[in-house]
PDB file of N, CA and C in Angstrom:
ATOM      1  N   MET A   1      38.467-111.552 155.852  1.00  0.00           N
ATOM      2  CA  MET A   1      38.980-110.568 156.897  1.00  0.00           C
ATOM      3  C   MET A   1      39.505-109.347 156.284  1.00  0.00           C
ATOM      4  N   GLY A   2      39.248-108.273 156.992  1.00  0.00           N
ATOM      5  CA  GLY A   2      39.816-107.053 156.569  1.00  0.00           C
ATOM      6  C   GLY A   2      41.111-106.783 156.687  1.00  0.00           C
ATOM      7  N   HIS A   3      41.710-105.777 156.121  1.00  0.00           N
ATOM      8  CA  HIS A   3      43.190-105.389 156.038  1.00  0.00           C
ATOM      9  C   HIS A   3      43.589-105.184 157.521  1.00  0.00           C
ATOM     10  N   ALA A   4      42.803-104.461 158.331  1.00  0.00           N
ATOM     11  CA  ALA A   4      43.141-104.181 159.753  1.00  0.00           C
ATOM     12  C   ALA A   4      43.271-105.585 160.618  1.00  0.00           C
ATOM     13  N   GLN A   5      42.260-106.577 160.332  1.00  0.00           N
ATOM     14  CA  GLN A   5      42.360-107.767 161.032  1.00  0.00           C
ATOM     15  C   GLN A   5      43.619-108.662 160.727  1.00  0.00           C
ATOM     16  N   GLU A   6      43.957-108.657 159.241  1.00  0.00           N
ATOM     17  CA  GLU A   6      45.034-109.305 158.904  1.00  0.00           C
ATOM     18  C   GLU A   6      46.234-108.672 159.345  1.00  0.00           C
ATOM     19  N   SER A   7      46.548-107.490 159.618  1.00  0.00           N
ATOM     20  CA  SER A   7      47.453-106.880 160.133  1.00  0.00           C
ATOM     21  C   SER A   7      47.776-107.292 161.473  1.00  0.00           C
ATOM     22  N   LYS A   8      46.460-107.257 162.414  1.00  0.00           N
ATOM     23  CA  LYS A   8      46.620-107.520 163.707  1.00  0.00           C
ATOM     24  C   LYS A   8      47.037-108.880 163.868  1.00  0.00           C
ATOM     25  N   ALA A   9      46.448-109.903 163.160  1.00  0.00           N
ATOM     26  CA  ALA A   9      46.761-111.493 163.155  1.00  0.00           C
ATOM     27  C   ALA A   9      48.157-111.487 162.967  1.00  0.00           C
ATOM     28  N   ARG A  10      48.770-110.771 161.988  1.00  0.00           N
ATOM     29  CA  ARG A  10      50.328-110.872 161.575  1.00  0.00           C
ATOM     30  C   ARG A  10      50.995-110.375 162.769  1.00  0.00           C
ATOM     31  N   HIS A  11      50.823-109.238 163.276  1.00  0.00           N
ATOM     32  CA  HIS A  11      51.534-108.619 164.253  1.00  0.00           C
ATOM     33  C   HIS A  11      51.373-109.469 165.522  1.00  0.00           C
ATOM     34  N   ARG A  12      50.167-109.890 166.033  1.00  0.00           N
ATOM     35  CA  ARG A  12      50.137-110.721 167.085  1.00  0.00           C
ATOM     36  C   ARG A  12      51.052-111.833 167.309  1.00  0.00           C
ATOM     37  N   GLN A  13      51.314-112.755 166.172  1.00  0.00           N
ATOM     38  CA  GLN A  13      52.120-113.621 166.051  1.00  0.00           C
ATOM     39  C   GLN A  13      53.533-113.368 166.402  1.00  0.00           C
ATOM     40  N   SER A  14      53.930-112.316 165.639  1.00  0.00           N
ATOM     41  CA  SER A  14      55.324-111.863 165.870  1.00  0.00           C
ATOM     42  C   SER A  14      55.688-111.163 167.117  1.00  0.00           C
ATOM     43  N   LEU A  15      54.495-110.453 167.717  1.00  0.00           N
ATOM     44  CA  LEU A  15      54.792-109.689 169.075  1.00  0.00           C
ATOM     45  C   LEU A  15      54.516-110.811 170.568  1.00  0.00           C
ATOM     46  N   LYS A  16      54.347-111.983 170.096  1.00  0.00           N
ATOM     47  CA  LYS A  16      54.120-112.770 171.278  1.00  0.00           C
ATOM     48  C   LYS A  16      55.335-112.857 172.237  1.00  0.00           C
ATOM     49  N   THR A  17      56.589-112.774 171.683  1.00  0.00           N
ATOM     50  CA  THR A  17      57.833-112.679 172.408  1.00  0.00           C
ATOM     51  C   THR A  17      58.234-111.396 172.785  1.00  0.00           C
ATOM     52  N   GLY A  18      57.661-110.376 172.500  1.00  0.00           N
ATOM     53  CA  GLY A  18      57.920-108.847 172.826  1.00  0.00           C
ATOM     54  C   GLY A  18      58.099-108.019 171.708  1.00  0.00           C
ATOM     55  N   GLY A  19      58.532-106.757 171.949  1.00  0.00           N
ATOM     56  CA  GLY A  19      58.675-105.976 170.820  1.00  0.00           C
ATOM     57  C   GLY A  19      57.549-105.146 170.697  1.00  0.00           C
ATOM     58  N   VAL A  20      57.448-104.261 169.453  1.00  0.00           N
ATOM     59  CA  VAL A  20      56.420-103.361 169.230  1.00  0.00           C
ATOM     60  C   VAL A  20      56.007-103.397 167.636  1.00  0.00           C
ATOM     61  N   ALA A  21      54.865-102.759 167.418  1.00  0.00           N
ATOM     62  CA  ALA A  21      54.397-102.765 166.006  1.00  0.00           C
ATOM     63  C   ALA A  21      54.116-101.310 165.571  1.00  0.00           C
ATOM     64  N   VAL A  22      54.236-100.759 164.462  1.00  0.00           N
ATOM     65  CA  VAL A  22      54.091 -99.610 164.063  1.00  0.00           C
ATOM     66  C   VAL A  22      53.138 -99.691 162.955  1.00  0.00           C
ATOM     67  N   ASP A  23      52.208 -98.828 162.558  1.00  0.00           N
ATOM     68  CA  ASP A  23      51.268 -98.660 161.576  1.00  0.00           C
ATOM     69  C   ASP A  23      51.547 -97.306 160.771  1.00  0.00           C
ATOM     70  N   ASP A  24      50.877 -97.260 159.664  1.00  0.00           N
ATOM     71  CA  ASP A  24      50.872 -95.906 158.828  1.00  0.00           C
ATOM     72  C   ASP A  24      50.131 -94.727 159.319  1.00  0.00           C
ATOM     73  N   TYR A  25      49.325 -94.946 160.339  1.00  0.00           N
ATOM     74  CA  TYR A  25      48.267 -93.994 160.765  1.00  0.00           C
ATOM     75  C   TYR A  25      48.512 -93.317 162.070  1.00  0.00           C
ATOM     76  N   SER A  26      49.732 -93.561 162.911  1.00  0.00           N
ATOM     77  CA  SER A  26      49.996 -93.036 164.065  1.00  0.00           C
ATOM     78  C   SER A  26      51.439 -93.042 164.384  1.00  0.00           C
ATOM     79  N   ASP A  27      51.792 -92.295 165.394  1.00  0.00           N
ATOM     80  CA  ASP A  27      53.429 -92.472 165.697  1.00  0.00           C
ATOM     81  C   ASP A  27      53.560 -93.250 166.947  1.00  0.00           C
ATOM     82  N   GLN A  28      52.323 -94.084 167.368  1.00  0.00           N
ATOM     83  CA  GLN A  28      52.444 -94.914 168.507  1.00  0.00           C
ATOM     84  C   GLN A  28      53.331 -96.173 168.063  1.00  0.00           C
ATOM     85  N   CYS A  29      53.995 -96.685 169.073  1.00  0.00           N
ATOM     86  CA  CYS A  29      54.745 -97.930 168.938  1.00  0.00           C
ATOM     87  C   CYS A  29      53.891 -98.774 169.773  1.00  0.00           C
ATOM     88  N   TRP A  30      53.164 -99.797 169.067  1.00  0.00           N
ATOM     89  CA  TRP A  30      52.102-100.612 169.684  1.00  0.00           C
ATOM     90  C   TRP A  30      52.714-101.875 170.226  1.00  0.00           C
ATOM     91  N   THR A  31      52.207-102.061 171.484  1.00  0.00           N
ATOM     92  CA  THR A  31      52.557-103.460 172.145  1.00  0.00           C
ATOM     93  C   THR A  31      51.589-104.547 171.846  1.00  0.00           C
ATOM     94  N   LEU A  32      51.592-105.730 171.920  1.00  0.00           N
ATOM     95  CA  LEU A  32      50.727-106.656 171.644  1.00  0.00           C
ATOM     96  C   LEU A  32      49.453-106.347 172.720  1.00  0.00           C
ATOM     97  N   GLN A  33      49.556-106.112 173.828  1.00  0.00           N
ATOM     98  CA  GLN A  33      48.507-105.821 174.624  1.00  0.00           C
ATOM     99  C   GLN A  33      47.683-104.635 174.226  1.00  0.00           C
ATOM    100  N   GLU A  34      48.213-103.657 173.866  1.00  0.00           N
ATOM    101  CA  GLU A  34      47.634-102.432 173.399  1.00  0.00           C
ATOM    102  C   GLU A  34      46.561-102.650 172.064  1.00  0.00           C
ATOM    103  N   ILE A  35      47.281-103.430 171.137  1.00  0.00           N
ATOM    104  CA  ILE A  35      46.750-103.801 170.033  1.00  0.00           C
ATOM    105  C   ILE A  35      45.463-104.808 170.548  1.00  0.00           C
ATOM    106  N   GLU A  36      45.543-105.749 171.276  1.00  0.00           N
ATOM    107  CA  GLU A  36      44.390-106.546 171.626  1.00  0.00           C
ATOM    108  C   GLU A  36      43.361-106.043 172.393  1.00  0.00           C
ATOM    109  N   SER A  37      43.653-104.866 173.239  1.00  0.00           N
ATOM    110  CA  SER A  37      42.700-104.373 173.955  1.00  0.00           C
ATOM    111  C   SER A  37      41.976-103.043 173.078  1.00  0.00           C
ATOM    112  N   ASP A  38      42.390-102.990 171.988  1.00  0.00           N
ATOM    113  CA  ASP A  38      41.793-101.887 171.018  1.00  0.00           C
ATOM    114  C   ASP A  38      42.100-100.507 171.766  1.00  0.00           C
ATOM    115  N   LEU A  39      43.092-100.231 172.260  1.00  0.00           N
ATOM    116  CA  LEU A  39      43.593 -99.026 172.802  1.00  0.00           C
ATOM    117  C   LEU A  39      43.582 -97.971 171.726  1.00  0.00           C
ATOM    118  N   LYS A  40      43.027 -96.806 172.189  1.00  0.00           N
ATOM    119  CA  LYS A  40      43.035 -95.636 171.344  1.00  0.00           C
ATOM    120  C   LYS A  40      44.062 -94.581 171.798  1.00  0.00           C
ATOM    121  N   VAL A  41      44.857 -94.082 171.052  1.00  0.00           N
ATOM    122  CA  VAL A  41      45.829 -93.007 171.204  1.00  0.00           C
ATOM    123  C   VAL A  41      45.658 -91.770 170.285  1.00  0.00           C
ATOM    124  N   ASP A  42      45.373 -90.817 170.882  1.00  0.00           N
ATOM    125  CA  ASP A  42      45.016 -89.555 170.091  1.00  0.00           C
ATOM    126  C   ASP A  42      43.790 -89.765 169.202  1.00  0.00           C
ATOM    127  N   GLY A  43      42.801 -90.724 169.722  1.00  0.00           N
ATOM    128  CA  GLY A  43      41.522 -90.808 169.119  1.00  0.00           C
ATOM    129  C   GLY A  43      41.776 -92.082 167.902  1.00  0.00           C
ATOM    130  N   LEU A  44      43.096 -92.723 167.812  1.00  0.00           N
ATOM    131  CA  LEU A  44      43.207 -93.829 166.860  1.00  0.00           C
ATOM    132  C   LEU A  44      43.745 -95.196 167.484  1.00  0.00           C
ATOM    133  N   GLY A  45      43.159 -96.065 166.983  1.00  0.00           N
ATOM    134  CA  GLY A  45      43.510 -97.506 167.329  1.00  0.00           C
ATOM    135  C   GLY A  45      44.508 -98.075 166.373  1.00  0.00           C
ATOM    136  N   PHE A  46      45.176 -99.058 166.645  1.00  0.00           N
ATOM    137  CA  PHE A  46      46.093 -99.847 165.792  1.00  0.00           C
ATOM    138  C   PHE A  46      45.633 -99.987 164.369  1.00  0.00           C
ATOM    139  N   PHE A  47      46.167 -99.427 163.420  1.00  0.00           N
ATOM    140  CA  PHE A  47      45.860 -99.474 161.854  1.00  0.00           C
ATOM    141  C   PHE A  47      44.403 -98.964 161.671  1.00  0.00           C
ATOM    142  N   ASP A  48      44.292 -97.764 162.331  1.00  0.00           N
ATOM    143  CA  ASP A  48      42.928 -97.207 162.201  1.00  0.00           C
ATOM    144  C   ASP A  48      42.694 -96.281 160.967  1.00  0.00           C
ATOM    145  N   PHE A  49      42.449 -96.788 159.737  1.00  0.00           N
ATOM    146  CA  PHE A  49      42.378 -96.052 158.749  1.00  0.00           C
ATOM    147  C   PHE A  49      41.205 -95.104 158.686  1.00  0.00           C
ATOM    148  N   ARG A  50      40.031 -95.804 158.997  1.00  0.00           N
ATOM    149  CA  ARG A  50      38.848 -94.807 159.124  1.00  0.00           C
ATOM    150  C   ARG A  50      39.027 -93.670 160.273  1.00  0.00           C
ATOM    151  N   GLY A  51      39.511 -93.909 161.499  1.00  0.00           N
ATOM    152  CA  GLY A  51      39.658 -92.937 162.175  1.00  0.00           C
ATOM    153  C   GLY A  51      40.668 -91.796 161.566  1.00  0.00           C
ATOM    154  N   HIS A  52      41.773 -92.132 161.195  1.00  0.00           N
ATOM    155  CA  HIS A  52      42.729 -91.225 160.616  1.00  0.00           C
ATOM    156  C   HIS A  52      42.043 -90.509 159.296  1.00  0.00           C
ATOM    157  N   TYR A  53      41.293 -91.171 158.515  1.00  0.00           N
ATOM    158  CA  TYR A  53      40.601 -90.461 157.397  1.00  0.00           C
ATOM    159  C   TYR A  53      39.725 -89.360 158.130  1.00  0.00           C
ATOM    160  N   GLU A  54      38.809 -89.824 159.023  1.00  0.00           N
ATOM    161  CA  GLU A  54      37.787 -88.928 159.752  1.00  0.00           C
ATOM    162  C   GLU A  54      38.658 -87.627 160.242  1.00  0.00           C
ATOM    163  N   GLN A  55      39.832 -87.893 160.924  1.00  0.00           N
ATOM    164  CA  GLN A  55      40.520 -86.666 161.466  1.00  0.00           C
ATOM    165  C   GLN A  55      41.091 -85.908 160.524  1.00  0.00           C
ATOM    166  N   HIS A  56      41.662 -86.422 159.550  1.00  0.00           N
ATOM    167  CA  HIS A  56      42.395 -85.674 158.530  1.00  0.00           C
ATOM    168  C   HIS A  56      41.746 -85.169 157.217  1.00  0.00           C
ATOM    169  N   TYR A  57      40.602 -85.673 156.812  1.00  0.00           N
ATOM    170  CA  TYR A  57      40.113 -85.445 155.434  1.00  0.00           C
ATOM    171  C   TYR A  57      38.689 -85.110 155.494  1.00  0.00           C
ATOM    172  N   GLN A  58      37.886 -85.461 156.447  1.00  0.00           N
ATOM    173  CA  GLN A  58      36.457 -84.929 156.559  1.00  0.00           C
ATOM    174  C   GLN A  58      36.381 -83.507 157.388  1.00  0.00           C
ATOM    175  N   THR A  59      35.688 -82.881 156.727  1.00  0.00           N
ATOM    176  CA  THR A  59      35.144 -81.459 157.496  1.00  0.00           C
ATOM    177  C   THR A  59      34.120 -81.341 158.045  1.00  0.00           C
TER     178      THR A  59
END
């Protein structure tokens, strides 16, 4: 299981009762529904290292 999948699984368990999660790559406060639906905000999904890298470091 990759780092993003591990993070999603960990947050899924703790968000079942409500609340939000944050990641290192966006300013979004993510709900469980947003994480599970693979919502994209400003082109990034939850814990989207690759998307963040492509947006900021590739020319």
